[in-house]
Amino acid sequence: MVEYTRQMIKDFLYDLGGKSINCPWTEKLFKVDKTSKALDEKRKKVFHTFVMKGMFLCKRGRPDIHTGITFLSTRTGNPNHGDWEKLLRLIKFLRLTQHDIVTLEASNEQNITWYIVAAFGVHKGMKSHSGATITLGKRMVILGSTKQKINTRSLTEAELVGMDDYVSKVL
């Protein structure tokens, strides 16, 4: 499975130009530039294809790109040049880190630990974003990242909504 994931990363990193970078996104990840021009039909198809390939990768061995891919997947309907630049940045990051593939590993303590977090007001309409992961001591086993469906008034409230989003999986 690791070799297959490595091959998927190589296929994902076809030559789009530019050098490798060490961070998959900036603080502008969730910002949509409304003044940016829409992509032409050919680039829209390429954008959609690579976002979906990224979705496969983040589920199979690269959970570190999950947040960026989750956001970019919301933009596949009408991507613009700003979204294209975010995808290119993610691909450049993968080019630099293509050998960093997560493998499952448990600790001897046999503890299952859940981590649930929220980012307040980062989406359109001041909606927040929730994320969760489960570990068996050393490595992430399951992870999730999603836009919250309701508006919240504070980070604390966003954290509570995030808990509610993932409590069924925890149980």
C-alpha atoms as a PDB file:
ATOM      1  CA  MET A   1       0.000   0.000   0.000  1.00  0.00           C
ATOM      2  CA  VAL A   2       2.871   2.388   0.770  1.00  0.00           C
ATOM      3  CA  GLU A   3       4.383   1.858  -2.692  1.00  0.00           C
ATOM      4  CA  TYR A   4       1.000   2.462  -4.303  1.00  0.00           C
ATOM      5  CA  THR A   5       0.620   5.712  -2.323  1.00  0.00           C
ATOM      6  CA  ARG A   6       4.125   6.820  -3.355  1.00  0.00           C
ATOM      7  CA  GLN A   7       3.227   6.185  -6.997  1.00  0.00           C
ATOM      8  CA  MET A   8      -0.007   8.173  -6.574  1.00  0.00           C
ATOM      9  CA  ILE A   9       2.005  11.100  -5.205  1.00  0.00           C
ATOM     10  CA  LYS A  10       4.403  10.947  -8.176  1.00  0.00           C
ATOM     11  CA  ASP A  11       1.431  10.884 -10.558  1.00  0.00           C
ATOM     12  CA  PHE A  12      -0.120  13.791  -8.653  1.00  0.00           C
ATOM     13  CA  LEU A  13       3.070  15.831  -9.013  1.00  0.00           C
ATOM     14  CA  TYR A  14       3.138  16.109 -12.759  1.00  0.00           C
ATOM     15  CA  ASP A  15       5.097  19.081 -14.015  1.00  0.00           C
ATOM     16  CA  LEU A  16       3.136  22.242 -13.235  1.00  0.00           C
ATOM     17  CA  GLY A  17       6.311  24.292 -12.858  1.00  0.00           C
ATOM     18  CA  GLY A  18       7.827  26.132  -9.931  1.00  0.00           C
ATOM     19  CA  LYS A  19      10.010  25.054  -7.054  1.00  0.00           C
ATOM     20  CA  SER A  20       9.046  23.085  -3.955  1.00  0.00           C
ATOM     21  CA  ILE A  21       7.884  24.850  -0.788  1.00  0.00           C
ATOM     22  CA  ASN A  22       7.739  23.711   2.834  1.00  0.00           C
ATOM     23  CA  CYS A  23       4.202  24.822   3.809  1.00  0.00           C
ATOM     24  CA  PRO A  24       1.045  23.596   2.039  1.00  0.00           C
ATOM     25  CA  TRP A  25      -0.957  26.823   2.464  1.00  0.00           C
ATOM     26  CA  THR A  26      -0.915  30.306   3.928  1.00  0.00           C
ATOM     27  CA  GLU A  27      -3.278  32.124   6.266  1.00  0.00           C
ATOM     28  CA  LYS A  28      -5.319  32.997   3.156  1.00  0.00           C
ATOM     29  CA  LEU A  29      -6.442  29.391   2.573  1.00  0.00           C
ATOM     30  CA  PHE A  30     -10.083  30.022   3.519  1.00  0.00           C
ATOM     31  CA  LYS A  31     -10.247  33.443   1.836  1.00  0.00           C
ATOM     32  CA  VAL A  32     -11.960  33.558  -1.570  1.00  0.00           C
ATOM     33  CA  ASP A  33     -10.801  36.400  -3.804  1.00  0.00           C
ATOM     34  CA  LYS A  34     -13.983  37.592  -5.502  1.00  0.00           C
ATOM     35  CA  THR A  35     -12.006  39.831  -7.870  1.00  0.00           C
ATOM     36  CA  SER A  36     -10.007  36.888  -9.236  1.00  0.00           C
ATOM     37  CA  LYS A  37     -10.913  35.749 -12.739  1.00  0.00           C
ATOM     38  CA  ALA A  38     -12.687  32.408 -13.194  1.00  0.00           C
ATOM     39  CA  LEU A  39     -10.719  29.528 -14.724  1.00  0.00           C
ATOM     40  CA  ASP A  40     -11.359  28.487 -18.306  1.00  0.00           C
ATOM     41  CA  GLU A  41     -13.078  25.125 -18.919  1.00  0.00           C
ATOM     42  CA  LYS A  42      -9.823  23.209 -19.519  1.00  0.00           C
ATOM     43  CA  ARG A  43      -8.259  24.437 -16.279  1.00  0.00           C
ATOM     44  CA  LYS A  44     -11.501  23.788 -14.369  1.00  0.00           C
ATOM     45  CA  LYS A  45     -11.281  20.119 -15.359  1.00  0.00           C
ATOM     46  CA  VAL A  46      -7.608  19.943 -14.349  1.00  0.00           C
ATOM     47  CA  PHE A  47      -8.404  21.700 -11.057  1.00  0.00           C
ATOM     48  CA  HIS A  48     -11.233  19.278 -10.297  1.00  0.00           C
ATOM     49  CA  THR A  49      -9.110  16.243 -11.242  1.00  0.00           C
ATOM     50  CA  PHE A  50      -6.213  17.234  -9.012  1.00  0.00           C
ATOM     51  CA  VAL A  51      -8.391  18.173  -6.047  1.00  0.00           C
ATOM     52  CA  MET A  52     -10.015  14.729  -6.219  1.00  0.00           C
ATOM     53  CA  LYS A  53      -6.596  13.050  -6.529  1.00  0.00           C
ATOM     54  CA  GLY A  54      -5.574  15.035  -3.463  1.00  0.00           C
ATOM     55  CA  MET A  55      -8.699  13.790  -1.673  1.00  0.00           C
ATOM     56  CA  PHE A  56      -7.604  10.223  -2.387  1.00  0.00           C
ATOM     57  CA  LEU A  57      -4.074  10.968  -1.141  1.00  0.00           C
ATOM     58  CA  CYS A  58      -5.190  12.584   2.096  1.00  0.00           C
ATOM     59  CA  LYS A  59      -7.305   9.534   2.919  1.00  0.00           C
ATOM     60  CA  ARG A  60      -4.560   7.020   2.020  1.00  0.00           C
ATOM     61  CA  GLY A  61      -1.399   8.390   3.563  1.00  0.00           C
ATOM     62  CA  ARG A  62      -1.175  12.199   3.568  1.00  0.00           C
ATOM     63  CA  PRO A  63      -3.547  13.502   6.256  1.00  0.00           C
ATOM     64  CA  ASP A  64      -1.433  16.660   6.524  1.00  0.00           C
ATOM     65  CA  ILE A  65      -3.063  18.034   3.354  1.00  0.00           C
ATOM     66  CA  HIS A  66      -6.628  17.242   4.451  1.00  0.00           C
ATOM     67  CA  THR A  67      -7.612  20.779   5.501  1.00  0.00           C
ATOM     68  CA  GLY A  68      -6.426  22.332   2.237  1.00  0.00           C
ATOM     69  CA  ILE A  69      -7.997  19.649   0.069  1.00  0.00           C
ATOM     70  CA  THR A  70     -11.283  19.884   1.976  1.00  0.00           C
ATOM     71  CA  PHE A  71     -11.457  23.617   1.304  1.00  0.00           C
ATOM     72  CA  LEU A  72     -10.413  23.291  -2.350  1.00  0.00           C
ATOM     73  CA  SER A  73     -13.080  20.627  -2.876  1.00  0.00           C
ATOM     74  CA  THR A  74     -15.702  23.256  -1.996  1.00  0.00           C
ATOM     75  CA  ARG A  75     -14.334  25.385  -4.839  1.00  0.00           C
ATOM     76  CA  THR A  76     -14.488  22.792  -7.657  1.00  0.00           C
ATOM     77  CA  GLY A  77     -17.833  24.116  -8.913  1.00  0.00           C
ATOM     78  CA  ASN A  78     -16.526  27.569  -9.784  1.00  0.00           C
ATOM     79  CA  PRO A  79     -12.747  27.812  -9.212  1.00  0.00           C
ATOM     80  CA  ASN A  80     -10.836  31.007  -9.907  1.00  0.00           C
ATOM     81  CA  HIS A  81      -7.159  31.862 -10.318  1.00  0.00           C
ATOM     82  CA  GLY A  82      -6.761  32.314  -6.554  1.00  0.00           C
ATOM     83  CA  ASP A  83      -7.945  28.736  -6.027  1.00  0.00           C
ATOM     84  CA  TRP A  84      -5.583  27.577  -8.788  1.00  0.00           C
ATOM     85  CA  GLU A  85      -2.657  29.220  -6.965  1.00  0.00           C
ATOM     86  CA  LYS A  86      -3.660  27.461  -3.721  1.00  0.00           C
ATOM     87  CA  LEU A  87      -3.699  24.113  -5.541  1.00  0.00           C
ATOM     88  CA  LEU A  88      -0.280  24.811  -7.071  1.00  0.00           C
ATOM     89  CA  ARG A  89       1.096  25.664  -3.636  1.00  0.00           C
ATOM     90  CA  LEU A  90      -0.225  22.382  -2.277  1.00  0.00           C
ATOM     91  CA  ILE A  91       1.349  20.458  -5.173  1.00  0.00           C
ATOM     92  CA  LYS A  92       4.695  22.194  -4.610  1.00  0.00           C
ATOM     93  CA  PHE A  93       4.515  21.182  -0.947  1.00  0.00           C
ATOM     94  CA  LEU A  94       3.827  17.580  -1.959  1.00  0.00           C
ATOM     95  CA  ARG A  95       6.785  17.686  -4.345  1.00  0.00           C
ATOM     96  CA  LEU A  96       9.071  18.547  -1.422  1.00  0.00           C
ATOM     97  CA  THR A  97       7.522  16.030   0.984  1.00  0.00           C
ATOM     98  CA  GLN A  98       6.635  13.192  -1.396  1.00  0.00           C
ATOM     99  CA  HIS A  99       8.404  10.584   0.759  1.00  0.00           C
ATOM    100  CA  ASP A 100       6.496  11.537   3.941  1.00  0.00           C
ATOM    101  CA  ILE A 101       3.756   8.915   3.995  1.00  0.00           C
ATOM    102  CA  VAL A 102       1.927   8.093   7.201  1.00  0.00           C
ATOM    103  CA  THR A 103       1.985   4.481   8.305  1.00  0.00           C
ATOM    104  CA  LEU A 104      -0.203   3.085  11.054  1.00  0.00           C
ATOM    105  CA  GLU A 105       1.489   2.466  14.364  1.00  0.00           C
ATOM    106  CA  ALA A 106       0.141   1.969  17.881  1.00  0.00           C
ATOM    107  CA  SER A 107       1.812   2.538  21.231  1.00  0.00           C
ATOM    108  CA  ASN A 108       2.121  -0.118  23.919  1.00  0.00           C
ATOM    109  CA  GLU A 109      -0.209   1.848  26.201  1.00  0.00           C
ATOM    110  CA  GLN A 110      -3.292   0.854  24.172  1.00  0.00           C
ATOM    111  CA  ASN A 111      -4.860   4.302  24.528  1.00  0.00           C
ATOM    112  CA  ILE A 112      -7.266   5.681  21.958  1.00  0.00           C
ATOM    113  CA  THR A 113      -7.155   9.476  21.919  1.00  0.00           C
ATOM    114  CA  TRP A 114      -9.479  11.868  20.099  1.00  0.00           C
ATOM    115  CA  TYR A 115      -8.542  15.466  19.273  1.00  0.00           C
ATOM    116  CA  ILE A 116     -11.307  17.838  18.167  1.00  0.00           C
ATOM    117  CA  VAL A 117     -10.670  21.474  17.234  1.00  0.00           C
ATOM    118  CA  ALA A 118     -12.477  24.371  15.606  1.00  0.00           C
ATOM    119  CA  ALA A 119     -11.485  27.501  13.699  1.00  0.00           C
ATOM    120  CA  PHE A 120     -13.923  30.347  14.315  1.00  0.00           C
ATOM    121  CA  GLY A 121     -15.556  32.295  11.473  1.00  0.00           C
ATOM    122  CA  VAL A 122     -13.223  31.310   8.635  1.00  0.00           C
ATOM    123  CA  HIS A 123     -15.855  30.574   5.964  1.00  0.00           C
ATOM    124  CA  LYS A 124     -18.318  32.704   4.020  1.00  0.00           C
ATOM    125  CA  GLY A 125     -21.157  33.900   6.241  1.00  0.00           C
ATOM    126  CA  MET A 126     -18.916  33.627   9.335  1.00  0.00           C
ATOM    127  CA  LYS A 127     -19.291  29.833   9.494  1.00  0.00           C
ATOM    128  CA  SER A 128     -16.604  28.006  11.424  1.00  0.00           C
ATOM    129  CA  HIS A 129     -14.573  24.901  10.586  1.00  0.00           C
ATOM    130  CA  SER A 130     -14.265  21.692  12.650  1.00  0.00           C
ATOM    131  CA  GLY A 131     -11.544  19.081  12.579  1.00  0.00           C
ATOM    132  CA  ALA A 132     -11.005  15.812  14.423  1.00  0.00           C
ATOM    133  CA  THR A 133      -8.507  12.977  14.549  1.00  0.00           C
ATOM    134  CA  ILE A 134      -8.105   9.719  16.452  1.00  0.00           C
ATOM    135  CA  THR A 135      -4.754   8.194  17.390  1.00  0.00           C
ATOM    136  CA  LEU A 136      -3.713   4.864  18.789  1.00  0.00           C
ATOM    137  CA  GLY A 137      -0.822   6.464  20.617  1.00  0.00           C
ATOM    138  CA  LYS A 138       1.576   7.275  17.766  1.00  0.00           C
ATOM    139  CA  ARG A 139      -0.192   7.812  14.448  1.00  0.00           C
ATOM    140  CA  MET A 140      -3.495   9.212  13.233  1.00  0.00           C
ATOM    141  CA  VAL A 141      -5.960   6.531  12.232  1.00  0.00           C
ATOM    142  CA  ILE A 142      -9.055   8.539  11.318  1.00  0.00           C
ATOM    143  CA  LEU A 143      -9.384  12.222  10.607  1.00  0.00           C
ATOM    144  CA  GLY A 144     -12.104  14.596   9.538  1.00  0.00           C
ATOM    145  CA  SER A 145     -12.388  18.211   8.513  1.00  0.00           C
ATOM    146  CA  THR A 146     -15.629  19.992   7.706  1.00  0.00           C
ATOM    147  CA  LYS A 147     -17.327  23.366   7.507  1.00  0.00           C
ATOM    148  CA  GLN A 148     -19.833  23.806  10.322  1.00  0.00           C
ATOM    149  CA  LYS A 149     -23.453  24.005   9.238  1.00  0.00           C
ATOM    150  CA  ILE A 150     -24.494  26.737  11.677  1.00  0.00           C
ATOM    151  CA  ASN A 151     -23.148  30.136  12.649  1.00  0.00           C
ATOM    152  CA  THR A 152     -21.504  30.546  16.030  1.00  0.00           C
ATOM    153  CA  ARG A 153     -20.819  33.655  18.096  1.00  0.00           C
ATOM    154  CA  SER A 154     -17.459  32.707  19.601  1.00  0.00           C
ATOM    155  CA  LEU A 155     -14.590  30.250  19.410  1.00  0.00           C
ATOM    156  CA  THR A 156     -15.942  28.471  22.483  1.00  0.00           C
ATOM    157  CA  GLU A 157     -19.305  27.973  20.800  1.00  0.00           C
ATOM    158  CA  ALA A 158     -17.554  26.796  17.608  1.00  0.00           C
ATOM    159  CA  GLU A 159     -15.611  24.255  19.693  1.00  0.00           C
ATOM    160  CA  LEU A 160     -18.884  22.972  21.180  1.00  0.00           C
ATOM    161  CA  VAL A 161     -20.430  22.622  17.716  1.00  0.00           C
ATOM    162  CA  GLY A 162     -17.273  20.784  16.611  1.00  0.00           C
ATOM    163  CA  MET A 163     -17.653  18.416  19.550  1.00  0.00           C
ATOM    164  CA  ASP A 164     -21.276  17.821  18.594  1.00  0.00           C
ATOM    165  CA  ASP A 165     -20.241  17.153  14.960  1.00  0.00           C
ATOM    166  CA  TYR A 166     -17.847  14.383  15.968  1.00  0.00           C
ATOM    167  CA  VAL A 167     -19.250  12.959  19.227  1.00  0.00           C
ATOM    168  CA  SER A 168     -21.121  10.182  17.420  1.00  0.00           C
ATOM    169  CA  LYS A 169     -17.846   8.950  15.922  1.00  0.00           C
ATOM    170  CA  VAL A 170     -16.143   9.166  19.306  1.00  0.00           C
ATOM    171  CA  LEU A 171     -18.862   7.057  20.884  1.00  0.00           C
END
